[in-house]
Amino acid sequence: MTADRIEKVPHTSGPWLVSDPHPRCTSLHVLQAEKDEVGARAVVAEVAKLLDGTGHANARLIAAAPKLLEALESMVRWTEMHGLNTAELISGGRAEVPVVLNARDALEAARSSSKELAA
């Protein structure tokens, strides 16, 4: 499956940013950077503040998702355009390059229309 053939599921457009609403608040907010017509930002995610600091790291990773998605899409398109998504095998055939397969799997997971949640 090429990057162009993966079903696109709408998500809140990026860029996203991390907001710490109040020092005593127990969560961080990942917000859409662009404000709406009344000057508000859409909340994309709420992330628990954790004592070990991983909450902040998790929020930054979530906020980076639109840029990561765009970079991965560009990488897959570029490798396909330049014929670098496959490699010649010793046997003489060709096979998908594992890093491109992994990228496609990640794109498919990000764009999945599945509404299944972990139990």
Protein backbone atom coordinates (compact mmCIF):
# COMPACT_ATOMS: atom_id res chain seq x y z
CA MET A 1 0.00 0.00 0.00
CA THR A 2 1.46 3.36 -1.01
CA ALA A 3 1.17 6.46 1.12
CA ASP A 4 -1.41 7.91 -1.32
CA ARG A 5 -3.66 4.86 -0.98
CA ILE A 6 -3.87 4.89 2.80
CA GLU A 7 -7.29 6.14 3.90
CA LYS A 8 -7.04 9.57 5.46
CA VAL A 9 -9.04 10.03 8.65
CA PRO A 10 -9.55 13.65 9.71
CA HIS A 11 -7.85 14.85 12.85
CA THR A 12 -7.41 18.24 14.46
CA SER A 13 -5.05 20.14 12.21
CA GLY A 14 -1.63 21.04 13.54
CA PRO A 15 0.51 22.50 14.77
CA TRP A 16 -0.22 21.56 18.36
CA LEU A 17 1.33 22.95 21.52
CA VAL A 18 1.58 21.98 25.19
CA SER A 19 -0.05 24.15 27.83
CA ASP A 20 0.31 23.91 31.58
CA PRO A 21 -2.94 25.60 32.66
CA HIS A 22 -1.96 26.07 36.28
CA PRO A 23 0.90 24.82 38.49
CA ARG A 24 -1.61 23.09 40.79
CA CYS A 25 -3.55 21.52 37.93
CA THR A 26 -2.99 17.75 37.68
CA SER A 27 -2.91 17.67 33.89
CA LEU A 28 -1.29 19.29 30.89
CA HIS A 29 -3.25 20.21 27.79
CA VAL A 30 -2.21 19.60 24.21
CA LEU A 31 -3.88 22.37 22.22
CA GLN A 32 -4.31 23.29 18.60
CA ALA A 33 -1.97 26.26 18.07
CA GLU A 34 -4.42 28.13 15.86
CA LYS A 35 -7.22 29.93 17.68
CA ASP A 36 -10.81 29.74 16.51
CA GLU A 37 -13.03 32.72 15.67
CA VAL A 38 -13.62 33.53 19.36
CA GLY A 39 -9.93 33.25 20.27
CA ALA A 40 -10.06 29.78 21.84
CA ARG A 41 -7.83 26.81 21.08
CA ALA A 42 -9.18 23.27 20.65
CA VAL A 43 -8.04 20.80 23.31
CA VAL A 44 -6.52 17.83 21.50
CA ALA A 45 -5.50 15.84 24.58
CA GLU A 46 -5.24 16.02 28.32
CA VAL A 47 -2.14 14.39 29.80
CA ALA A 48 -1.58 13.60 33.47
CA LYS A 49 1.30 15.41 35.13
CA LEU A 50 3.49 12.74 36.64
CA LEU A 51 6.02 13.28 39.40
CA ASP A 52 8.85 11.80 37.34
CA GLY A 53 8.35 14.31 34.50
CA THR A 54 7.14 11.76 31.96
CA GLY A 55 3.81 13.58 31.70
CA HIS A 56 5.56 16.56 30.13
CA ALA A 57 7.51 14.28 27.78
CA ASN A 58 4.30 12.47 26.80
CA ALA A 59 2.54 15.78 26.11
CA ARG A 60 5.44 16.99 23.93
CA LEU A 61 5.37 13.72 21.97
CA ILE A 62 1.62 14.03 21.40
CA ALA A 63 2.03 17.69 20.38
CA ALA A 64 4.67 16.65 17.82
CA ALA A 65 2.29 14.14 16.18
CA PRO A 66 1.17 16.37 13.26
CA LYS A 67 4.79 17.14 12.32
CA LEU A 68 5.81 13.49 12.73
CA LEU A 69 2.90 12.38 10.54
CA GLU A 70 3.82 14.90 7.85
CA ALA A 71 7.49 13.87 7.95
CA LEU A 72 6.63 10.17 7.67
CA GLU A 73 4.25 10.79 4.76
CA SER A 74 6.96 12.80 2.98
CA MET A 75 9.58 10.11 3.59
CA VAL A 76 7.37 7.35 2.16
CA ARG A 77 6.42 9.48 -0.89
CA TRP A 78 10.08 10.37 -1.50
CA THR A 79 11.30 6.76 -1.29
CA GLU A 80 8.54 5.64 -3.66
CA MET A 81 9.20 8.48 -6.10
CA HIS A 82 12.92 7.59 -6.24
CA GLY A 83 12.39 3.83 -6.25
CA LEU A 84 14.07 3.43 -2.88
CA ASN A 85 11.17 1.65 -1.21
CA THR A 86 12.39 -1.72 -2.51
CA ALA A 87 15.77 -3.42 -2.51
CA GLU A 88 17.26 -6.08 -4.72
CA LEU A 89 17.57 -9.48 -3.09
CA ILE A 90 20.47 -11.89 -3.48
CA SER A 91 18.01 -14.20 -5.22
CA GLY A 92 17.49 -11.54 -7.87
CA GLY A 93 14.00 -10.43 -6.81
CA ARG A 94 12.98 -7.25 -5.05
CA ALA A 95 11.43 -6.74 -1.63
CA GLU A 96 10.09 -3.85 0.36
CA VAL A 97 12.69 -2.14 2.52
CA PRO A 98 11.80 -2.85 6.19
CA VAL A 99 12.01 0.80 7.25
CA VAL A 100 9.47 1.72 4.57
CA LEU A 101 7.20 -1.15 5.65
CA ASN A 102 7.41 0.09 9.25
CA ALA A 103 6.64 3.64 8.13
CA ARG A 104 3.59 2.46 6.18
CA ASP A 105 2.38 0.43 9.18
CA ALA A 106 2.71 3.51 11.39
CA LEU A 107 0.84 5.67 8.86
CA GLU A 108 -1.90 3.08 8.60
CA ALA A 109 -2.25 2.97 12.40
CA ALA A 110 -2.37 6.78 12.60
CA ARG A 111 -5.01 7.00 9.90
CA SER A 112 -7.05 4.01 10.96
CA SER A 113 -10.77 4.58 11.04
CA SER A 114 -11.05 1.93 13.73
CA LYS A 115 -12.75 3.14 16.87
CA GLU A 116 -11.42 0.27 18.97
CA LEU A 117 -9.83 1.31 22.24
CA ALA A 118 -7.56 -0.69 24.48
CA ALA A 119 -9.42 -2.45 27.26
